[in-house]
Amino acid sequence: RWWLVGSAWAGRDVAAGSSSSQGCNTAQNDAHSTVSVAETEDPLIVLAGNLRMNTEVRKSLFVAIMGGQDYLDAYDRLIKVRVPRAQRGEVVRVLLHCCRHEAVFNPFYGLLGSRVCA
């Protein structure tokens, strides 16, 4: 069914110059609409997407960890996130993923990890 996808493509048409300029305007309007959506989103959610936190559970855990004022606040936020039993390992994975992306060691992650594992 690859032909169905290709038939919907509205790329540059060399013969019709007006349709190609119309397509560019549509692309520019789409770019402006995506920017406005990204501006209204929480910056932590955007950062979670940039760090490839692709599931809602990972995104919510990332926001809980990074949104905390200190490790106790982050722990309280993690407790409030409802994680299914099968995905409880994601808490440690997200914590290690955040720690790995720091340039230097941050004791916040060590304290939070010891609190989570206790």
N, C-alpha and C. Protein backbone atom coordinates (compact mmCIF):
# COMPACT_ATOMS: atom_id res chain seq x y z
N ARG A 1 0.82 -1.20 0.00
CA ARG A 1 0.00 0.00 0.00
C ARG A 1 0.86 1.27 0.00
N TRP A 2 2.06 1.17 -0.46
CA TRP A 2 2.93 2.32 -0.50
C TRP A 2 2.42 3.38 -1.45
N TRP A 3 1.64 2.97 -2.45
CA TRP A 3 1.14 3.93 -3.41
C TRP A 3 0.10 4.87 -2.81
N LEU A 4 -0.59 4.43 -1.75
CA LEU A 4 -1.56 5.31 -1.10
C LEU A 4 -0.86 6.45 -0.37
N VAL A 5 0.26 6.15 0.25
CA VAL A 5 1.01 7.18 0.94
C VAL A 5 1.60 8.16 -0.06
N GLY A 6 2.13 7.64 -1.16
CA GLY A 6 2.74 8.48 -2.18
C GLY A 6 1.72 9.35 -2.90
N SER A 7 0.49 8.90 -2.98
CA SER A 7 -0.52 9.69 -3.68
C SER A 7 -0.94 10.92 -2.89
N ALA A 8 -0.73 10.90 -1.59
CA ALA A 8 -1.11 12.03 -0.76
C ALA A 8 0.00 13.08 -0.68
N TRP A 9 1.16 12.78 -1.24
CA TRP A 9 2.29 13.70 -1.17
C TRP A 9 2.05 14.88 -2.08
N ALA A 10 2.25 16.09 -1.54
CA ALA A 10 2.06 17.32 -2.31
C ALA A 10 3.40 18.05 -2.38
N GLY A 11 4.35 17.44 -3.06
CA GLY A 11 5.68 18.02 -3.16
C GLY A 11 5.73 19.09 -4.25
N ARG A 12 6.95 19.49 -4.60
CA ARG A 12 7.12 20.51 -5.62
C ARG A 12 6.69 20.02 -6.98
N ASP A 13 5.88 20.79 -7.63
CA ASP A 13 5.44 20.48 -8.97
C ASP A 13 6.12 21.47 -9.91
N VAL A 14 6.99 20.98 -10.78
CA VAL A 14 7.77 21.85 -11.64
C VAL A 14 6.88 22.57 -12.64
N ALA A 15 5.87 21.92 -13.13
CA ALA A 15 5.00 22.52 -14.15
C ALA A 15 4.13 23.63 -13.57
N ALA A 16 3.66 23.47 -12.36
CA ALA A 16 2.76 24.45 -11.75
C ALA A 16 3.50 25.18 -10.64
N GLY A 17 4.01 26.36 -10.93
CA GLY A 17 4.76 27.14 -9.94
C GLY A 17 3.88 27.66 -8.83
N SER A 18 2.62 27.92 -9.11
CA SER A 18 1.74 28.47 -8.08
C SER A 18 1.43 27.44 -7.01
N SER A 19 1.31 26.17 -7.38
CA SER A 19 1.02 25.16 -6.38
C SER A 19 2.20 24.93 -5.46
N SER A 20 3.43 25.09 -5.98
CA SER A 20 4.59 24.89 -5.11
C SER A 20 4.71 26.03 -4.11
N SER A 21 4.39 27.25 -4.53
CA SER A 21 4.45 28.35 -3.57
C SER A 21 3.35 28.22 -2.53
N GLN A 22 2.24 27.65 -2.95
CA GLN A 22 1.15 27.43 -2.00
C GLN A 22 1.57 26.39 -0.96
N GLY A 23 2.30 25.36 -1.39
CA GLY A 23 2.79 24.34 -0.47
C GLY A 23 3.77 24.91 0.52
N CYS A 24 4.61 25.86 0.09
CA CYS A 24 5.57 26.49 1.00
C CYS A 24 4.85 27.29 2.07
N ASN A 25 3.79 28.00 1.68
CA ASN A 25 3.03 28.77 2.67
C ASN A 25 2.40 27.85 3.70
N THR A 26 1.91 26.71 3.24
CA THR A 26 1.31 25.75 4.17
C THR A 26 2.37 25.21 5.12
N ALA A 27 3.56 24.94 4.61
CA ALA A 27 4.63 24.44 5.46
C ALA A 27 5.04 25.48 6.50
N GLN A 28 5.07 26.76 6.08
CA GLN A 28 5.41 27.80 7.03
C GLN A 28 4.34 27.94 8.10
N ASN A 29 3.08 27.84 7.71
CA ASN A 29 2.00 27.90 8.70
C ASN A 29 2.09 26.73 9.67
N ASP A 30 2.43 25.53 9.17
CA ASP A 30 2.57 24.37 10.04
C ASP A 30 3.71 24.57 11.01
N ALA A 31 4.82 25.16 10.54
CA ALA A 31 5.96 25.40 11.43
C ALA A 31 5.59 26.37 12.55
N HIS A 32 4.82 27.40 12.22
CA HIS A 32 4.41 28.36 13.24
C HIS A 32 3.46 27.72 14.24
N SER A 33 2.60 26.83 13.77
CA SER A 33 1.66 26.20 14.69
C SER A 33 2.37 25.24 15.64
N THR A 34 3.42 24.53 15.16
CA THR A 34 4.14 23.64 16.05
C THR A 34 4.96 24.41 17.06
N VAL A 35 5.46 25.57 16.68
CA VAL A 35 6.21 26.39 17.64
C VAL A 35 5.29 26.88 18.74
N SER A 36 4.08 27.28 18.38
CA SER A 36 3.16 27.77 19.41
C SER A 36 2.75 26.65 20.36
N VAL A 37 2.63 25.43 19.86
CA VAL A 37 2.31 24.30 20.74
C VAL A 37 3.48 24.03 21.67
N ALA A 38 4.71 24.08 21.15
CA ALA A 38 5.88 23.81 21.98
C ALA A 38 6.06 24.90 23.04
N GLU A 39 5.70 26.15 22.71
CA GLU A 39 5.85 27.22 23.68
C GLU A 39 4.87 27.07 24.84
N THR A 40 3.69 26.52 24.58
CA THR A 40 2.71 26.37 25.64
C THR A 40 2.97 25.13 26.49
N GLU A 41 3.76 24.18 25.99
CA GLU A 41 4.05 22.97 26.74
C GLU A 41 5.03 23.26 27.86
N ASP A 42 4.99 22.42 28.86
CA ASP A 42 5.91 22.53 29.98
C ASP A 42 7.33 22.27 29.47
N PRO A 43 8.30 23.10 29.85
CA PRO A 43 9.66 22.89 29.35
C PRO A 43 10.26 21.55 29.77
N LEU A 44 9.82 21.02 30.91
CA LEU A 44 10.32 19.71 31.33
C LEU A 44 9.81 18.60 30.42
N ILE A 45 8.60 18.74 29.92
CA ILE A 45 8.06 17.73 28.99
C ILE A 45 8.80 17.79 27.67
N VAL A 46 9.12 19.00 27.22
CA VAL A 46 9.90 19.15 25.99
C VAL A 46 11.28 18.54 26.17
N LEU A 47 11.91 18.79 27.32
CA LEU A 47 13.22 18.22 27.61
C LEU A 47 13.15 16.70 27.70
N ALA A 48 12.08 16.18 28.25
CA ALA A 48 11.90 14.72 28.32
C ALA A 48 11.81 14.13 26.92
N GLY A 49 11.14 14.82 26.03
CA GLY A 49 11.07 14.36 24.65
C GLY A 49 12.43 14.40 23.97
N ASN A 50 13.22 15.42 24.28
CA ASN A 50 14.56 15.52 23.70
C ASN A 50 15.49 14.42 24.21
N LEU A 51 15.26 13.96 25.44
CA LEU A 51 16.06 12.89 26.01
C LEU A 51 15.49 11.51 25.70
N ARG A 52 14.56 11.45 24.78
CA ARG A 52 13.94 10.21 24.29
C ARG A 52 13.17 9.45 25.37
N MET A 53 12.51 10.19 26.21
CA MET A 53 11.57 9.58 27.14
C MET A 53 10.26 9.45 26.37
N ASN A 54 10.05 8.31 25.75
CA ASN A 54 8.99 8.19 24.77
C ASN A 54 7.66 7.69 25.31
N THR A 55 7.60 7.21 26.53
CA THR A 55 6.32 6.76 27.07
C THR A 55 5.82 7.77 28.09
N GLU A 56 4.55 7.73 28.35
CA GLU A 56 3.96 8.66 29.31
C GLU A 56 4.48 8.41 30.72
N VAL A 57 4.74 7.15 31.03
CA VAL A 57 5.27 6.82 32.36
C VAL A 57 6.65 7.44 32.53
N ARG A 58 7.50 7.30 31.52
CA ARG A 58 8.85 7.87 31.61
C ARG A 58 8.80 9.39 31.68
N LYS A 59 7.92 9.99 30.89
CA LYS A 59 7.80 11.45 30.92
C LYS A 59 7.34 11.93 32.29
N SER A 60 6.36 11.27 32.87
CA SER A 60 5.86 11.69 34.18
C SER A 60 6.91 11.48 35.26
N LEU A 61 7.69 10.39 35.17
CA LEU A 61 8.76 10.17 36.14
C LEU A 61 9.86 11.22 35.98
N PHE A 62 10.19 11.56 34.75
CA PHE A 62 11.20 12.59 34.50
C PHE A 62 10.77 13.93 35.07
N VAL A 63 9.51 14.30 34.85
CA VAL A 63 9.01 15.57 35.38
C VAL A 63 9.01 15.55 36.90
N ALA A 64 8.68 14.41 37.49
CA ALA A 64 8.68 14.30 38.95
C ALA A 64 10.09 14.44 39.51
N ILE A 65 11.06 13.83 38.85
CA ILE A 65 12.45 13.90 39.34
C ILE A 65 13.01 15.29 39.15
N MET A 66 12.89 15.83 37.97
CA MET A 66 13.53 17.11 37.66
C MET A 66 12.75 18.31 38.21
N GLY A 67 11.49 18.12 38.53
CA GLY A 67 10.69 19.22 39.05
C GLY A 67 10.79 19.41 40.54
N GLY A 68 11.47 18.51 41.22
CA GLY A 68 11.59 18.61 42.66
C GLY A 68 12.58 19.67 43.09
N GLN A 69 12.28 20.32 44.21
CA GLN A 69 13.19 21.34 44.75
C GLN A 69 14.44 20.70 45.35
N ASP A 70 14.27 19.57 46.02
CA ASP A 70 15.38 18.80 46.56
C ASP A 70 15.03 17.33 46.43
N TYR A 71 15.89 16.45 46.95
CA TYR A 71 15.63 15.04 46.74
C TYR A 71 14.41 14.55 47.51
N LEU A 72 14.08 15.19 48.62
CA LEU A 72 12.88 14.79 49.36
C LEU A 72 11.60 15.17 48.61
N ASP A 73 11.61 16.36 48.02
CA ASP A 73 10.47 16.78 47.21
C ASP A 73 10.33 15.90 45.97
N ALA A 74 11.45 15.57 45.35
CA ALA A 74 11.40 14.68 44.18
C ALA A 74 10.89 13.30 44.57
N TYR A 75 11.28 12.81 45.74
CA TYR A 75 10.80 11.51 46.22
C TYR A 75 9.29 11.56 46.46
N ASP A 76 8.80 12.63 47.06
CA ASP A 76 7.36 12.77 47.27
C ASP A 76 6.61 12.80 45.95
N ARG A 77 7.18 13.48 44.97
CA ARG A 77 6.55 13.53 43.65
C ARG A 77 6.55 12.15 42.99
N LEU A 78 7.64 11.40 43.17
CA LEU A 78 7.70 10.05 42.60
C LEU A 78 6.68 9.12 43.24
N ILE A 79 6.45 9.29 44.52
CA ILE A 79 5.47 8.45 45.22
C ILE A 79 4.06 8.73 44.67
N LYS A 80 3.80 9.97 44.31
CA LYS A 80 2.47 10.34 43.83
C LYS A 80 2.19 9.87 42.40
N VAL A 81 3.25 9.56 41.65
CA VAL A 81 3.07 9.06 40.28
C VAL A 81 2.61 7.61 40.36
N ARG A 82 1.51 7.32 39.74
CA ARG A 82 0.98 5.95 39.73
C ARG A 82 1.67 5.16 38.62
N VAL A 83 2.56 4.26 39.02
CA VAL A 83 3.29 3.44 38.06
C VAL A 83 2.77 2.01 38.18
N PRO A 84 2.38 1.40 37.08
CA PRO A 84 1.94 0.00 37.15
C PRO A 84 3.06 -0.91 37.67
N ARG A 85 2.66 -1.99 38.30
CA ARG A 85 3.63 -2.90 38.92
C ARG A 85 4.65 -3.41 37.90
N ALA A 86 4.24 -3.66 36.70
CA ALA A 86 5.14 -4.17 35.68
C ALA A 86 6.18 -3.14 35.24
N GLN A 87 5.92 -1.86 35.49
CA GLN A 87 6.82 -0.80 35.04
C GLN A 87 7.54 -0.09 36.20
N ARG A 88 7.59 -0.70 37.34
CA ARG A 88 8.26 -0.06 38.49
C ARG A 88 9.76 0.08 38.28
N GLY A 89 10.33 -0.76 37.44
CA GLY A 89 11.75 -0.64 37.12
C GLY A 89 12.08 0.62 36.34
N GLU A 90 11.07 1.22 35.74
CA GLU A 90 11.29 2.45 34.98
C GLU A 90 11.75 3.60 35.87
N VAL A 91 11.40 3.57 37.14
CA VAL A 91 11.83 4.63 38.06
C VAL A 91 13.35 4.67 38.11
N VAL A 92 13.96 3.52 38.29
CA VAL A 92 15.43 3.44 38.38
C VAL A 92 16.05 3.75 37.03
N ARG A 93 15.44 3.26 35.95
CA ARG A 93 15.99 3.53 34.62
C ARG A 93 15.99 5.02 34.30
N VAL A 94 14.92 5.70 34.62
CA VAL A 94 14.84 7.14 34.36
C VAL A 94 15.83 7.89 35.24
N LEU A 95 15.95 7.47 36.48
CA LEU A 95 16.90 8.10 37.40
C LEU A 95 18.33 7.95 36.89
N LEU A 96 18.70 6.75 36.45
CA LEU A 96 20.04 6.54 35.90
C LEU A 96 20.24 7.28 34.59
N HIS A 97 19.21 7.36 33.78
CA HIS A 97 19.29 8.10 32.52
C HIS A 97 19.56 9.58 32.78
N CYS A 98 18.88 10.14 33.75
CA CYS A 98 19.10 11.56 34.10
C CYS A 98 20.51 11.77 34.65
N CYS A 99 20.95 10.85 35.51
CA CYS A 99 22.29 10.96 36.09
C CYS A 99 23.36 10.85 35.02
N ARG A 100 23.15 9.99 34.05
CA ARG A 100 24.12 9.78 32.99
C ARG A 100 24.30 11.01 32.11
N HIS A 101 23.26 11.82 31.98
CA HIS A 101 23.33 12.99 31.11
C HIS A 101 23.89 14.23 31.80
N GLU A 102 24.27 14.12 33.05
CA GLU A 102 24.91 15.23 33.75
C GLU A 102 26.39 15.26 33.39
N ALA A 103 26.95 16.47 33.31
CA ALA A 103 28.37 16.60 32.98
C ALA A 103 29.26 16.14 34.14
N VAL A 104 28.88 16.50 35.35
CA VAL A 104 29.61 16.09 36.55
C VAL A 104 28.63 15.39 37.49
N PHE A 105 29.17 14.64 38.44
CA PHE A 105 28.31 13.91 39.36
C PHE A 105 27.50 14.89 40.21
N ASN A 106 26.21 14.61 40.31
CA ASN A 106 25.32 15.40 41.13
C ASN A 106 24.82 14.52 42.28
N PRO A 107 25.11 14.87 43.52
CA PRO A 107 24.69 14.02 44.64
C PRO A 107 23.18 13.90 44.79
N PHE A 108 22.42 14.76 44.12
CA PHE A 108 20.96 14.69 44.15
C PHE A 108 20.48 13.32 43.72
N TYR A 109 21.07 12.79 42.64
CA TYR A 109 20.64 11.50 42.11
C TYR A 109 21.01 10.35 43.05
N GLY A 110 22.15 10.44 43.71
CA GLY A 110 22.55 9.43 44.67
C GLY A 110 21.63 9.41 45.88
N LEU A 111 21.30 10.59 46.39
CA LEU A 111 20.40 10.67 47.53
C LEU A 111 19.01 10.18 47.17
N LEU A 112 18.54 10.59 46.00
CA LEU A 112 17.20 10.17 45.56
C LEU A 112 17.17 8.66 45.30
N GLY A 113 18.24 8.14 44.72
CA GLY A 113 18.30 6.70 44.46
C GLY A 113 18.32 5.89 45.74
N SER A 114 19.05 6.36 46.74
CA SER A 114 19.08 5.63 48.02
C SER A 114 17.72 5.70 48.71
N ARG A 115 17.03 6.80 48.54
CA ARG A 115 15.69 6.96 49.13
C ARG A 115 14.68 6.05 48.42
N VAL A 116 14.78 5.96 47.09
CA VAL A 116 13.85 5.13 46.31
C VAL A 116 14.06 3.66 46.62
N CYS A 117 15.32 3.24 46.72
CA CYS A 117 15.64 1.83 46.93
C CYS A 117 15.51 1.38 48.38
N ALA A 118 15.31 2.31 49.30
CA ALA A 118 15.20 1.94 50.71
C ALA A 118 13.83 1.38 51.05
